[in-house]
């Protein structure tokens, strides 16, 4: 994902485990990766991940280990 990817039309999703509140992380997928943002501050910017980085993040979360080495 490049900094120039337009996220204005992105379809943001929350986890089904969020309980419907506005206190979680949202994810949007694009053709070049994924973007994450804080649901409390949707205009505050997004953290962008390549497909490889997204896969690594999910693997670490699922394994219950540290996300950053």
PDB file of N, CA and C in Angstrom:
ATOM      1  N   UNK A   1       0.846  -1.170   0.000  1.00  0.00           N
ATOM      2  CA  UNK A   1       0.000   0.000   0.000  1.00  0.00           C
ATOM      3  C   UNK A   1       0.889   1.230   0.000  1.00  0.00           C
ATOM      4  N   UNK A   2       0.566   2.154  -0.815  1.00  0.00           N
ATOM      5  CA  UNK A   2       1.363   3.368  -0.891  1.00  0.00           C
ATOM      6  C   UNK A   2       0.645   4.512  -0.183  1.00  0.00           C
ATOM      7  N   UNK A   3       1.377   5.539   0.224  1.00  0.00           N
ATOM      8  CA  UNK A   3       0.741   6.681   0.877  1.00  0.00           C
ATOM      9  C   UNK A   3      -0.295   7.367  -0.001  1.00  0.00           C
ATOM     10  N   UNK A   4      -0.241   7.137  -1.302  1.00  0.00           N
ATOM     11  CA  UNK A   4      -1.184   7.784  -2.209  1.00  0.00           C
ATOM     12  C   UNK A   4      -2.475   7.012  -2.399  1.00  0.00           C
ATOM     13  N   UNK A   5      -2.597   5.839  -1.804  1.00  0.00           N
ATOM     14  CA  UNK A   5      -3.842   5.093  -1.915  1.00  0.00           C
ATOM     15  C   UNK A   5      -4.978   5.934  -1.340  1.00  0.00           C
ATOM     16  N   UNK A   6      -6.048   6.064  -2.095  1.00  0.00           N
ATOM     17  CA  UNK A   6      -7.199   6.850  -1.661  1.00  0.00           C
ATOM     18  C   UNK A   6      -8.094   5.985  -0.785  1.00  0.00           C
ATOM     19  N   UNK A   7      -8.234   6.366   0.465  1.00  0.00           N
ATOM     20  CA  UNK A   7      -9.068   5.611   1.394  1.00  0.00           C
ATOM     21  C   UNK A   7     -10.437   6.250   1.603  1.00  0.00           C
ATOM     22  N   UNK A   8     -10.757   7.293   0.829  1.00  0.00           N
ATOM     23  CA  UNK A   8     -12.032   7.984   1.014  1.00  0.00           C
ATOM     24  C   UNK A   8     -13.226   7.090   0.704  1.00  0.00           C
ATOM     25  N   UNK A   9     -13.048   6.115  -0.146  1.00  0.00           N
ATOM     26  CA  UNK A   9     -14.137   5.200  -0.494  1.00  0.00           C
ATOM     27  C   UNK A   9     -13.956   3.813   0.130  1.00  0.00           C
ATOM     28  N   UNK A  10     -13.012   3.718   1.051  1.00  0.00           N
ATOM     29  CA  UNK A  10     -12.720   2.416   1.682  1.00  0.00           C
ATOM     30  C   UNK A  10     -13.914   1.935   2.491  1.00  0.00           C
ATOM     31  N   UNK A  11     -14.067   0.636   2.523  1.00  0.00           N
ATOM     32  CA  UNK A  11     -15.118   0.005   3.330  1.00  0.00           C
ATOM     33  C   UNK A  11     -14.484  -0.434   4.646  1.00  0.00           C
ATOM     34  N   UNK A  12     -14.675   0.335   5.688  1.00  0.00           N
ATOM     35  CA  UNK A  12     -14.079   0.060   6.985  1.00  0.00           C
ATOM     36  C   UNK A  12     -14.928  -0.945   7.741  1.00  0.00           C
ATOM     37  N   UNK A  13     -14.252  -1.900   8.394  1.00  0.00           N
ATOM     38  CA  UNK A  13     -14.934  -2.954   9.141  1.00  0.00           C
ATOM     39  C   UNK A  13     -14.376  -3.035  10.553  1.00  0.00           C
ATOM     40  N   UNK A  14     -15.267  -3.348  11.490  1.00  0.00           N
ATOM     41  CA  UNK A  14     -14.876  -3.590  12.873  1.00  0.00           C
ATOM     42  C   UNK A  14     -14.983  -5.077  13.147  1.00  0.00           C
ATOM     43  N   UNK A  15     -14.246  -5.531  14.105  1.00  0.00           N
ATOM     44  CA  UNK A  15     -14.326  -6.919  14.523  1.00  0.00           C
ATOM     45  C   UNK A  15     -15.713  -7.224  15.069  1.00  0.00           C
ATOM     46  N   UNK A  16     -16.183  -8.424  14.831  1.00  0.00           N
ATOM     47  CA  UNK A  16     -17.463  -8.848  15.414  1.00  0.00           C
ATOM     48  C   UNK A  16     -17.350  -8.967  16.932  1.00  0.00           C
ATOM     49  N   UNK A  17     -16.134  -8.959  17.449  1.00  0.00           N
ATOM     50  CA  UNK A  17     -15.906  -9.041  18.893  1.00  0.00           C
ATOM     51  C   UNK A  17     -15.877  -7.671  19.560  1.00  0.00           C
ATOM     52  N   UNK A  18     -16.095  -6.618  18.791  1.00  0.00           N
ATOM     53  CA  UNK A  18     -15.991  -5.266  19.355  1.00  0.00           C
ATOM     54  C   UNK A  18     -17.197  -4.873  20.188  1.00  0.00           C
ATOM     55  N   UNK A  19     -18.282  -5.602  20.086  1.00  0.00           N
ATOM     56  CA  UNK A  19     -19.471  -5.280  20.854  1.00  0.00           C
ATOM     57  C   UNK A  19     -20.239  -4.088  20.315  1.00  0.00           C
ATOM     58  N   UNK A  20     -19.915  -3.635  19.133  1.00  0.00           N
ATOM     59  CA  UNK A  20     -20.631  -2.527  18.517  1.00  0.00           C
ATOM     60  C   UNK A  20     -20.247  -1.160  19.046  1.00  0.00           C
ATOM     61  N   UNK A  21     -19.306  -1.114  19.964  1.00  0.00           N
ATOM     62  CA  UNK A  21     -18.870   0.169  20.518  1.00  0.00           C
ATOM     63  C   UNK A  21     -18.007   0.937  19.543  1.00  0.00           C
ATOM     64  N   UNK A  22     -17.594   2.095  19.984  1.00  0.00           N
ATOM     65  CA  UNK A  22     -16.751   2.945  19.140  1.00  0.00           C
ATOM     66  C   UNK A  22     -15.355   3.036  19.748  1.00  0.00           C
ATOM     67  N   UNK A  23     -14.840   1.898  20.200  1.00  0.00           N
ATOM     68  CA  UNK A  23     -13.547   1.884  20.885  1.00  0.00           C
ATOM     69  C   UNK A  23     -12.689   0.724  20.397  1.00  0.00           C
ATOM     70  N   UNK A  24     -12.576   0.631  19.099  1.00  0.00           N
ATOM     71  CA  UNK A  24     -11.794  -0.476  18.561  1.00  0.00           C
ATOM     72  C   UNK A  24     -11.009  -0.020  17.332  1.00  0.00           C
ATOM     73  N   UNK A  25     -10.343  -0.945  16.743  1.00  0.00           N
ATOM     74  CA  UNK A  25      -9.588  -0.703  15.517  1.00  0.00           C
ATOM     75  C   UNK A  25     -10.442  -1.168  14.346  1.00  0.00           C
ATOM     76  N   UNK A  26     -10.439  -0.397  13.286  1.00  0.00           N
ATOM     77  CA  UNK A  26     -11.152  -0.766  12.065  1.00  0.00           C
ATOM     78  C   UNK A  26     -10.131  -1.111  10.987  1.00  0.00           C
ATOM     79  N   UNK A  27     -10.524  -1.978  10.066  1.00  0.00           N
ATOM     80  CA  UNK A  27      -9.645  -2.372   8.974  1.00  0.00           C
ATOM     81  C   UNK A  27     -10.371  -2.163   7.646  1.00  0.00           C
ATOM     82  N   UNK A  28      -9.616  -1.756   6.645  1.00  0.00           N
ATOM     83  CA  UNK A  28     -10.115  -1.663   5.274  1.00  0.00           C
ATOM     84  C   UNK A  28      -9.084  -2.331   4.379  1.00  0.00           C
ATOM     85  N   UNK A  29      -9.559  -3.058   3.398  1.00  0.00           N
ATOM     86  CA  UNK A  29      -8.666  -3.744   2.464  1.00  0.00           C
ATOM     87  C   UNK A  29      -8.690  -3.033   1.124  1.00  0.00           C
ATOM     88  N   UNK A  30      -7.519  -2.935   0.519  1.00  0.00           N
ATOM     89  CA  UNK A  30      -7.397  -2.341  -0.810  1.00  0.00           C
ATOM     90  C   UNK A  30      -6.681  -3.354  -1.691  1.00  0.00           C
ATOM     91  N   UNK A  31      -6.511  -3.006  -2.922  1.00  0.00           N
ATOM     92  CA  UNK A  31      -5.799  -3.894  -3.822  1.00  0.00           C
ATOM     93  C   UNK A  31      -4.323  -4.035  -3.492  1.00  0.00           C
ATOM     94  N   UNK A  32      -3.819  -3.146  -2.645  1.00  0.00           N
ATOM     95  CA  UNK A  32      -2.390  -3.169  -2.336  1.00  0.00           C
ATOM     96  C   UNK A  32      -2.100  -3.418  -0.863  1.00  0.00           C
ATOM     97  N   UNK A  33      -3.068  -3.900  -0.103  1.00  0.00           N
ATOM     98  CA  UNK A  33      -2.819  -4.208   1.305  1.00  0.00           C
ATOM     99  C   UNK A  33      -4.004  -3.900   2.183  1.00  0.00           C
ATOM    100  N   UNK A  34      -3.726  -3.461   3.393  1.00  0.00           N
ATOM    101  CA  UNK A  34      -4.764  -3.157   4.367  1.00  0.00           C
ATOM    102  C   UNK A  34      -4.422  -1.846   5.066  1.00  0.00           C
ATOM    103  N   UNK A  35      -5.436  -1.239   5.639  1.00  0.00           N
ATOM    104  CA  UNK A  35      -5.248  -0.024   6.425  1.00  0.00           C
ATOM    105  C   UNK A  35      -5.992  -0.198   7.742  1.00  0.00           C
ATOM    106  N   UNK A  36      -5.419   0.319   8.811  1.00  0.00           N
ATOM    107  CA  UNK A  36      -6.027   0.271  10.136  1.00  0.00           C
ATOM    108  C   UNK A  36      -6.229   1.687  10.641  1.00  0.00           C
ATOM    109  N   UNK A  37      -7.324   1.900  11.364  1.00  0.00           N
ATOM    110  CA  UNK A  37      -7.558   3.210  11.974  1.00  0.00           C
ATOM    111  C   UNK A  37      -8.298   3.033  13.293  1.00  0.00           C
ATOM    112  N   UNK A  38      -8.256   4.064  14.104  1.00  0.00           N
ATOM    113  CA  UNK A  38      -8.939   4.098  15.392  1.00  0.00           C
ATOM    114  C   UNK A  38     -10.384   4.515  15.144  1.00  0.00           C
ATOM    115  N   UNK A  39     -11.339   3.703  15.589  1.00  0.00           N
ATOM    116  CA  UNK A  39     -12.745   4.028  15.345  1.00  0.00           C
ATOM    117  C   UNK A  39     -13.181   5.306  16.064  1.00  0.00           C
ATOM    118  N   UNK A  40     -12.499   5.685  17.128  1.00  0.00           N
ATOM    119  CA  UNK A  40     -12.832   6.918  17.842  1.00  0.00           C
ATOM    120  C   UNK A  40     -12.375   8.156  17.078  1.00  0.00           C
ATOM    121  N   UNK A  41     -11.432   7.996  16.167  1.00  0.00           N
ATOM    122  CA  UNK A  41     -10.873   9.123  15.418  1.00  0.00           C
ATOM    123  C   UNK A  41     -10.690   8.743  13.953  1.00  0.00           C
ATOM    124  N   UNK A  42     -11.784   8.524  13.233  1.00  0.00           N
ATOM    125  CA  UNK A  42     -11.664   8.047  11.844  1.00  0.00           C
ATOM    126  C   UNK A  42     -10.968   9.024  10.905  1.00  0.00           C
ATOM    127  N   UNK A  43     -10.940  10.296  11.255  1.00  0.00           N
ATOM    128  CA  UNK A  43     -10.265  11.292  10.412  1.00  0.00           C
ATOM    129  C   UNK A  43      -8.803  11.464  10.813  1.00  0.00           C
ATOM    130  N   UNK A  44      -8.355  10.736  11.818  1.00  0.00           N
ATOM    131  CA  UNK A  44      -7.012  10.897  12.350  1.00  0.00           C
ATOM    132  C   UNK A  44      -5.924  10.195  11.560  1.00  0.00           C
ATOM    133  N   UNK A  45      -6.270   9.566  10.473  1.00  0.00           N
ATOM    134  CA  UNK A  45      -5.274   8.890   9.660  1.00  0.00           C
ATOM    135  C   UNK A  45      -5.357   7.382   9.798  1.00  0.00           C
ATOM    136  N   UNK A  46      -4.614   6.715   8.975  1.00  0.00           N
ATOM    137  CA  UNK A  46      -4.635   5.256   8.945  1.00  0.00           C
ATOM    138  C   UNK A  46      -3.210   4.721   8.890  1.00  0.00           C
ATOM    139  N   UNK A  47      -3.028   3.594   9.519  1.00  0.00           N
ATOM    140  CA  UNK A  47      -1.767   2.874   9.479  1.00  0.00           C
ATOM    141  C   UNK A  47      -1.879   1.877   8.339  1.00  0.00           C
ATOM    142  N   UNK A  48      -0.971   1.948   7.388  1.00  0.00           N
ATOM    143  CA  UNK A  48      -1.064   1.124   6.172  1.00  0.00           C
ATOM    144  C   UNK A  48      -0.100  -0.050   6.228  1.00  0.00           C
ATOM    145  N   UNK A  49      -0.585  -1.192   5.763  1.00  0.00           N
ATOM    146  CA  UNK A  49       0.196  -2.429   5.797  1.00  0.00           C
ATOM    147  C   UNK A  49       0.214  -3.090   4.424  1.00  0.00           C
ATOM    148  N   UNK A  50       1.367  -3.633   4.072  1.00  0.00           N
ATOM    149  CA  UNK A  50       1.463  -4.447   2.859  1.00  0.00           C
ATOM    150  C   UNK A  50       0.750  -5.774   3.139  1.00  0.00           C
ATOM    151  N   UNK A  51       0.435  -6.553   2.113  1.00  0.00           N
ATOM    152  CA  UNK A  51      -0.170  -7.867   2.352  1.00  0.00           C
ATOM    153  C   UNK A  51       0.700  -8.745   3.257  1.00  0.00           C
ATOM    154  N   UNK A  52       2.009  -8.692   3.080  1.00  0.00           N
ATOM    155  CA  UNK A  52       2.918  -9.488   3.912  1.00  0.00           C
ATOM    156  C   UNK A  52       2.866  -9.037   5.371  1.00  0.00           C
ATOM    157  N   UNK A  53       2.857  -7.738   5.599  1.00  0.00           N
ATOM    158  CA  UNK A  53       2.798  -7.210   6.964  1.00  0.00           C
ATOM    159  C   UNK A  53       1.461  -7.542   7.621  1.00  0.00           C
ATOM    160  N   UNK A  54       0.353  -7.464   6.863  1.00  0.00           N
ATOM    161  CA  UNK A  54      -0.969  -7.814   7.396  1.00  0.00           C
ATOM    162  C   UNK A  54      -0.994  -9.276   7.820  1.00  0.00           C
ATOM    163  N   UNK A  55      -0.451 -10.136   6.990  1.00  0.00           N
ATOM    164  CA  UNK A  55      -0.396 -11.561   7.312  1.00  0.00           C
ATOM    165  C   UNK A  55       0.425 -11.805   8.572  1.00  0.00           C
ATOM    166  N   UNK A  56       1.547 -11.123   8.688  1.00  0.00           N
ATOM    167  CA  UNK A  56       2.386 -11.256   9.871  1.00  0.00           C
ATOM    168  C   UNK A  56       1.695 -10.770  11.132  1.00  0.00           C
ATOM    169  N   UNK A  57       0.979  -9.659  11.033  1.00  0.00           N
ATOM    170  CA  UNK A  57       0.239  -9.138  12.179  1.00  0.00           C
ATOM    171  C   UNK A  57      -0.827 -10.123  12.620  1.00  0.00           C
ATOM    172  N   UNK A  58      -1.597 -10.638  11.678  1.00  0.00           N
ATOM    173  CA  UNK A  58      -2.646 -11.608  12.032  1.00  0.00           C
ATOM    174  C   UNK A  58      -2.050 -12.862  12.658  1.00  0.00           C
ATOM    175  N   UNK A  59      -0.945 -13.344  12.092  1.00  0.00           N
ATOM    176  CA  UNK A  59      -0.303 -14.535  12.654  1.00  0.00           C
ATOM    177  C   UNK A  59       0.152 -14.329  14.086  1.00  0.00           C
ATOM    178  N   UNK A  60       0.734 -13.174  14.372  1.00  0.00           N
ATOM    179  CA  UNK A  60       1.200 -12.887  15.728  1.00  0.00           C
ATOM    180  C   UNK A  60       0.043 -12.745  16.703  1.00  0.00           C
ATOM    181  N   UNK A  61      -1.029 -12.088  16.279  1.00  0.00           N
ATOM    182  CA  UNK A  61      -2.190 -11.918  17.145  1.00  0.00           C
ATOM    183  C   UNK A  61      -2.830 -13.270  17.441  1.00  0.00           C
ATOM    184  N   UNK A  62      -3.011 -14.074  16.407  1.00  0.00           N
ATOM    185  CA  UNK A  62      -3.624 -15.397  16.599  1.00  0.00           C
ATOM    186  C   UNK A  62      -2.787 -16.293  17.495  1.00  0.00           C
ATOM    187  N   UNK A  63      -1.480 -16.153  17.414  1.00  0.00           N
ATOM    188  CA  UNK A  63      -0.591 -16.984  18.227  1.00  0.00           C
ATOM    189  C   UNK A  63      -0.463 -16.462  19.660  1.00  0.00           C
ATOM    190  N   UNK A  64      -0.957 -15.258  19.894  1.00  0.00           N
ATOM    191  CA  UNK A  64      -0.888 -14.663  21.213  1.00  0.00           C
ATOM    192  C   UNK A  64       0.496 -14.164  21.593  1.00  0.00           C
ATOM    193  N   UNK A  65       1.357 -14.062  20.601  1.00  0.00           N
ATOM    194  CA  UNK A  65       2.727 -13.610  20.848  1.00  0.00           C
ATOM    195  C   UNK A  65       2.881 -12.138  20.593  1.00  0.00           C
ATOM    196  N   UNK A  66       4.099 -11.655  20.721  1.00  0.00           N
ATOM    197  CA  UNK A  66       4.357 -10.234  20.476  1.00  0.00           C
ATOM    198  C   UNK A  66       4.205  -9.916  18.988  1.00  0.00           C
ATOM    199  N   UNK A  67       3.626  -8.773  18.715  1.00  0.00           N
ATOM    200  CA  UNK A  67       3.441  -8.348  17.336  1.00  0.00           C
ATOM    201  C   UNK A  67       4.734  -7.780  16.782  1.00  0.00           C
ATOM    202  N   UNK A  68       5.451  -7.040  17.599  1.00  0.00           N
ATOM    203  CA  UNK A  68       6.722  -6.475  17.180  1.00  0.00           C
ATOM    204  C   UNK A  68       7.855  -7.243  17.834  1.00  0.00           C
ATOM    205  N   UNK A  69       8.866  -7.559  17.049  1.00  0.00           N
ATOM    206  CA  UNK A  69       9.987  -8.341  17.543  1.00  0.00           C
ATOM    207  C   UNK A  69      10.860  -7.566  18.422  1.00  0.00           C
TER     208      UNK A  69
END
